[in-house]
């Protein structure tokens, strides 16, 4: 029984497994390299603008809460 499986097993281990490993690690490495800091000035400017809009929204919400529920800051 082992003699029948010997040649296909060796071929699998010598040919398929190394290719499989190379492709697997290459595929896993690419997404990690693309995640992280913005790549150009346009992306940085967009993030900066988004942060400013969010900051203004937070200020507006705080003003509304201050008017409606003056003690809301102490409840947190």
Protein backbone atom coordinates (compact mmCIF):
# COMPACT_ATOMS: atom_id res chain seq x y z
CA UNK A 1 0.00 0.00 0.00
CA UNK A 2 2.79 2.45 0.87
CA UNK A 3 4.53 1.78 -2.46
CA UNK A 4 1.46 2.98 -4.38
CA UNK A 5 1.37 6.29 -2.50
CA UNK A 6 5.13 6.86 -2.44
CA UNK A 7 5.57 8.59 -5.81
CA UNK A 8 2.50 10.88 -5.60
CA UNK A 9 3.41 11.80 -2.04
CA UNK A 10 6.97 12.73 -3.00
CA UNK A 11 5.74 14.77 -5.97
CA UNK A 12 3.24 16.54 -3.76
CA UNK A 13 5.88 17.38 -1.16
CA UNK A 14 8.50 18.48 -3.69
CA UNK A 15 6.32 20.42 -6.14
CA UNK A 16 2.97 21.41 -4.67
CA UNK A 17 3.85 22.27 -1.07
CA UNK A 18 6.66 24.77 -1.86
CA UNK A 19 4.51 26.56 -4.46
CA UNK A 20 1.60 26.60 -2.04
CA UNK A 21 3.74 28.09 0.73
CA UNK A 22 5.21 30.79 -1.50
CA UNK A 23 1.80 31.84 -2.78
CA UNK A 24 0.30 31.75 0.70
CA UNK A 25 2.92 34.01 2.29
CA UNK A 26 3.00 36.36 -0.70
CA UNK A 27 -0.77 36.79 -0.49
CA UNK A 28 -0.63 37.43 3.28
CA UNK A 29 2.15 39.98 2.96
CA UNK A 30 0.41 42.29 0.46
CA UNK A 31 -2.56 43.45 2.54
CA UNK A 32 -0.32 44.26 5.49
CA UNK A 33 1.84 46.52 3.33
CA UNK A 34 -1.22 48.42 2.09
CA UNK A 35 -2.61 49.10 5.57
CA UNK A 36 -1.21 52.05 7.45
CA UNK A 37 -0.46 55.69 6.91
CA UNK A 38 -2.00 57.66 4.06
CA UNK A 39 0.07 57.42 0.91
CA UNK A 40 -0.30 60.88 -0.56
CA UNK A 41 -1.08 64.47 0.34
CA UNK A 42 -4.65 64.20 -0.96
CA UNK A 43 -5.47 61.46 1.51
CA UNK A 44 -3.91 63.42 4.35
CA UNK A 45 -5.90 66.51 3.39
CA UNK A 46 -9.12 64.48 3.24
CA UNK A 47 -8.46 62.99 6.67
CA UNK A 48 -7.67 66.43 8.07
CA UNK A 49 -10.89 67.87 6.66
CA UNK A 50 -12.91 64.94 8.02
CA UNK A 51 -11.37 65.44 11.46
CA UNK A 52 -12.25 69.13 11.41
CA UNK A 53 -15.86 68.39 10.46
CA UNK A 54 -16.13 65.79 13.23
CA UNK A 55 -14.67 68.25 15.73
CA UNK A 56 -17.23 70.88 14.73
CA UNK A 57 -20.06 68.34 15.07
CA UNK A 58 -18.87 67.38 18.53
CA UNK A 59 -18.79 71.04 19.57
CA UNK A 60 -22.32 71.52 18.24
CA UNK A 61 -23.59 68.47 20.11
CA UNK A 62 -21.94 69.68 23.31
CA UNK A 63 -23.62 73.09 22.93
CA UNK A 64 -27.01 71.42 22.43
CA UNK A 65 -26.48 69.19 25.46
CA UNK A 66 -25.33 72.15 27.56
CA UNK A 67 -28.58 73.95 26.71
CA UNK A 68 -30.89 70.94 27.20
CA UNK A 69 -29.19 69.15 30.09
CA UNK A 70 -26.74 71.42 31.92
CA UNK A 71 -25.43 68.65 34.20
CA UNK A 72 -24.71 66.09 31.48
CA UNK A 73 -20.93 66.36 31.90
CA UNK A 74 -21.12 65.33 35.55
CA UNK A 75 -23.13 62.19 34.77
CA UNK A 76 -20.37 60.56 32.78
